Amino acid sequence: MKRKVHACLFSASPQEVREKTKETVQKLEYNRGFIFAASHHIQPDTPDENILALIETLDNLGGLAYE
């Protein structure tokens, strides 16, 4: 099974986080009802740059379903 966003957030590179986030949003945004929310808290030792990569990617994709 491929890694999910929350699984790679802790251990992947920022680029891998961006790619997995974009892939996940594109798979789930088909009905324009997709809301990205954490189901668990972010682990304390998650790299800051990975959290920023996630947030920035979501922000950049914010209007994806409406383009």
C-alpha atoms as a PDB file:
ATOM      1  CA  MET A   1       0.000   0.000   0.000  1.00  0.00           C
ATOM      2  CA  LYS A   2       1.284   3.459  -0.835  1.00  0.00           C
ATOM      3  CA  ARG A   3       2.062   5.855   1.973  1.00  0.00           C
ATOM      4  CA  LYS A   4      -0.653   8.283   2.935  1.00  0.00           C
ATOM      5  CA  VAL A   5       0.002  11.947   3.632  1.00  0.00           C
ATOM      6  CA  HIS A   6      -0.009  11.510   7.395  1.00  0.00           C
ATOM      7  CA  ALA A   7       2.402   8.577   7.124  1.00  0.00           C
ATOM      8  CA  CYS A   8       4.940  10.467   5.041  1.00  0.00           C
ATOM      9  CA  LEU A   9       4.627  13.755   6.908  1.00  0.00           C
ATOM     10  CA  PHE A  10       6.963  12.564   9.640  1.00  0.00           C
ATOM     11  CA  SER A  11       9.655  10.849   7.595  1.00  0.00           C
ATOM     12  CA  ALA A  12       9.559  11.987   3.964  1.00  0.00           C
ATOM     13  CA  SER A  13      11.237  14.940   2.307  1.00  0.00           C
ATOM     14  CA  PRO A  14       9.248  18.163   1.825  1.00  0.00           C
ATOM     15  CA  GLN A  15       9.020  17.391  -1.909  1.00  0.00           C
ATOM     16  CA  GLU A  16       7.526  13.953  -1.183  1.00  0.00           C
ATOM     17  CA  VAL A  17       5.000  15.581   1.154  1.00  0.00           C
ATOM     18  CA  ARG A  18       4.032  18.033  -1.623  1.00  0.00           C
ATOM     19  CA  GLU A  19       3.630  15.228  -4.173  1.00  0.00           C
ATOM     20  CA  LYS A  20       1.577  12.999  -1.844  1.00  0.00           C
ATOM     21  CA  THR A  21      -0.625  15.906  -0.774  1.00  0.00           C
ATOM     22  CA  LYS A  22      -1.322  16.905  -4.390  1.00  0.00           C
ATOM     23  CA  GLU A  23      -2.007  13.272  -5.360  1.00  0.00           C
ATOM     24  CA  THR A  24      -4.443  12.862  -2.469  1.00  0.00           C
ATOM     25  CA  VAL A  25      -6.322  16.088  -3.205  1.00  0.00           C
ATOM     26  CA  GLN A  26      -6.627  15.246  -6.903  1.00  0.00           C
ATOM     27  CA  LYS A  27      -8.041  11.810  -6.079  1.00  0.00           C
ATOM     28  CA  LEU A  28     -10.604  13.152  -3.626  1.00  0.00           C
ATOM     29  CA  GLU A  29     -11.706  16.480  -5.067  1.00  0.00           C
ATOM     30  CA  TYR A  30     -13.857  14.982  -7.846  1.00  0.00           C
ATOM     31  CA  ASN A  31     -17.158  15.901  -6.184  1.00  0.00           C
ATOM     32  CA  ARG A  32     -16.064  19.359  -4.965  1.00  0.00           C
ATOM     33  CA  GLY A  33     -16.838  18.348  -1.401  1.00  0.00           C
ATOM     34  CA  PHE A  34     -13.335  17.525  -0.256  1.00  0.00           C
ATOM     35  CA  ILE A  35     -12.215  19.062   3.045  1.00  0.00           C
ATOM     36  CA  PHE A  36      -8.674  18.379   4.195  1.00  0.00           C
ATOM     37  CA  ALA A  37      -8.500  17.879   7.956  1.00  0.00           C
ATOM     38  CA  ALA A  38      -6.141  16.027  10.231  1.00  0.00           C
ATOM     39  CA  SER A  39      -7.556  12.880  11.802  1.00  0.00           C
ATOM     40  CA  HIS A  40      -4.712  12.726  14.305  1.00  0.00           C
ATOM     41  CA  HIS A  41      -2.388  15.312  15.747  1.00  0.00           C
ATOM     42  CA  ILE A  42       0.911  16.007  14.080  1.00  0.00           C
ATOM     43  CA  GLN A  43       3.710  14.223  15.878  1.00  0.00           C
ATOM     44  CA  PRO A  44       5.909  16.556  17.972  1.00  0.00           C
ATOM     45  CA  ASP A  45       9.124  15.757  16.122  1.00  0.00           C
ATOM     46  CA  THR A  46       7.690  16.169  12.622  1.00  0.00           C
ATOM     47  CA  PRO A  47      10.046  18.405  10.646  1.00  0.00           C
ATOM     48  CA  ASP A  48       8.765  21.970  10.395  1.00  0.00           C
ATOM     49  CA  GLU A  49       9.574  22.063   6.687  1.00  0.00           C
ATOM     50  CA  ASN A  50       7.231  19.097   6.091  1.00  0.00           C
ATOM     51  CA  ILE A  51       4.370  20.808   7.899  1.00  0.00           C
ATOM     52  CA  LEU A  52       4.973  23.938   5.834  1.00  0.00           C
ATOM     53  CA  ALA A  53       5.115  21.860   2.627  1.00  0.00           C
ATOM     54  CA  LEU A  54       1.707  20.363   3.480  1.00  0.00           C
ATOM     55  CA  ILE A  55       0.109  23.718   4.290  1.00  0.00           C
ATOM     56  CA  GLU A  56       1.594  25.517   1.280  1.00  0.00           C
ATOM     57  CA  THR A  57       0.544  22.746  -1.093  1.00  0.00           C
ATOM     58  CA  LEU A  58      -3.018  22.761   0.227  1.00  0.00           C
ATOM     59  CA  ASP A  59      -3.112  26.532  -0.051  1.00  0.00           C
ATOM     60  CA  ASN A  60      -1.843  26.396  -3.650  1.00  0.00           C
ATOM     61  CA  LEU A  61      -4.414  23.744  -4.552  1.00  0.00           C
ATOM     62  CA  GLY A  62      -7.279  25.541  -2.818  1.00  0.00           C
ATOM     63  CA  GLY A  63      -9.119  26.374  -6.001  1.00  0.00           C
ATOM     64  CA  LEU A  64      -8.252  23.202  -7.895  1.00  0.00           C
ATOM     65  CA  ALA A  65     -11.820  21.866  -8.010  1.00  0.00           C
ATOM     66  CA  TYR A  66     -13.192  25.159  -9.257  1.00  0.00           C
ATOM     67  CA  GLU A  67     -10.776  25.842 -12.102  1.00  0.00           C
END
